[in-house]
């Protein structure tokens, strides 16, 4: 493992803890097992650039400083009713 990978892993793990995110939650968001994430953070497996991107994108979804924004293009809401006599 390269030195820069060691630094990246430490920075990543520190940020995960700073955000208050468990390995389980982050692993689910990244689409990997918690065990695999644990091996990555402990330096037991090499981290590809693709996996780094995937993990960082998943982690940033938990960033407490990033505002949550949603865009609704179209919303249709139906309420079930049995009282059809009052519908015009």
Protein backbone atom coordinates (compact mmCIF):
# COMPACT_ATOMS: atom_id res chain seq x y z
CA UNK A 1 0.00 0.00 0.00
CA UNK A 2 1.35 3.39 -0.95
CA UNK A 3 1.87 6.11 1.62
CA UNK A 4 -0.70 8.33 -0.05
CA UNK A 5 -3.24 5.50 0.29
CA UNK A 6 -2.49 5.34 4.01
CA UNK A 7 -3.08 9.07 4.31
CA UNK A 8 -6.24 8.88 2.19
CA UNK A 9 -7.64 6.03 4.31
CA UNK A 10 -6.93 7.90 7.55
CA UNK A 11 -8.50 11.12 6.25
CA UNK A 12 -11.50 9.18 4.98
CA UNK A 13 -12.03 7.32 8.27
CA UNK A 14 -11.62 10.55 10.25
CA UNK A 15 -14.22 12.30 8.08
CA UNK A 16 -16.63 9.36 8.43
CA UNK A 17 -16.33 9.59 12.21
CA UNK A 18 -16.64 13.38 12.11
CA UNK A 19 -19.90 13.04 10.16
CA UNK A 20 -21.12 10.50 12.74
CA UNK A 21 -21.68 7.75 10.16
CA UNK A 22 -21.34 4.08 11.03
CA UNK A 23 -19.46 1.72 8.77
CA UNK A 24 -22.70 -0.17 8.21
CA UNK A 25 -24.62 2.90 6.97
CA UNK A 26 -21.78 4.01 4.75
CA UNK A 27 -21.26 0.53 3.32
CA UNK A 28 -24.94 0.26 2.42
CA UNK A 29 -24.83 3.67 0.72
CA UNK A 30 -21.68 2.68 -1.21
CA UNK A 31 -23.07 -0.72 -2.20
CA UNK A 32 -20.40 -2.78 -0.43
CA UNK A 33 -20.36 -4.94 2.69
CA UNK A 34 -19.46 -3.50 6.07
CA UNK A 35 -16.72 -6.11 6.29
CA UNK A 36 -15.15 -4.85 3.06
CA UNK A 37 -15.29 -1.25 4.28
CA UNK A 38 -13.66 -2.35 7.53
CA UNK A 39 -10.84 -4.03 5.61
CA UNK A 40 -10.37 -0.88 3.53
CA UNK A 41 -10.20 1.35 6.61
CA UNK A 42 -7.78 -1.00 8.35
CA UNK A 43 -5.52 -1.07 5.29
CA UNK A 44 -5.95 -4.80 4.66
CA UNK A 45 -7.09 -4.35 1.06
CA UNK A 46 -5.89 -1.99 -1.65
CA UNK A 47 -8.19 0.87 -2.61
CA UNK A 48 -8.68 1.54 -6.30
CA UNK A 49 -9.32 5.04 -7.58
CA UNK A 50 -12.81 3.91 -8.59
CA UNK A 51 -13.53 2.70 -5.04
CA UNK A 52 -12.20 5.95 -3.57
CA UNK A 53 -14.63 7.93 -5.72
CA UNK A 54 -17.50 5.61 -4.81
CA UNK A 55 -16.76 5.85 -1.09
CA UNK A 56 -16.33 9.63 -1.12
CA UNK A 57 -19.59 10.13 -3.02
CA UNK A 58 -21.41 7.92 -0.52
CA UNK A 59 -19.80 9.69 2.44
CA UNK A 60 -20.66 13.17 1.18
CA UNK A 61 -24.35 12.23 1.22
CA UNK A 62 -24.00 12.25 5.02
CA UNK A 63 -22.18 15.60 5.18
CA UNK A 64 -23.97 17.58 7.91
CA UNK A 65 -22.81 20.87 6.36
CA UNK A 66 -24.27 20.14 2.91
CA UNK A 67 -27.84 21.32 2.49
CA UNK A 68 -30.43 18.80 1.46
CA UNK A 69 -32.10 19.87 -1.74
CA UNK A 70 -34.85 18.21 -3.70
CA UNK A 71 -36.42 19.07 -6.98
CA UNK A 72 -39.97 17.99 -7.66
CA UNK A 73 -40.83 17.95 -11.31
CA UNK A 74 -44.29 16.52 -10.85
CA UNK A 75 -46.19 15.33 -7.82
CA UNK A 76 -49.45 13.48 -7.87
CA UNK A 77 -51.11 12.65 -4.60
CA UNK A 78 -54.20 10.52 -4.28
CA UNK A 79 -56.09 10.00 -1.09
CA UNK A 80 -58.19 6.89 -0.81
CA UNK A 81 -61.83 7.60 -0.05
CA UNK A 82 -65.01 5.68 0.07
CA UNK A 83 -67.13 8.83 0.19
CA UNK A 84 -67.55 9.52 -3.54
CA UNK A 85 -70.80 11.41 -3.08
CA UNK A 86 -68.99 14.63 -2.14
CA UNK A 87 -66.56 14.65 -5.07
CA UNK A 88 -67.58 17.03 -7.83
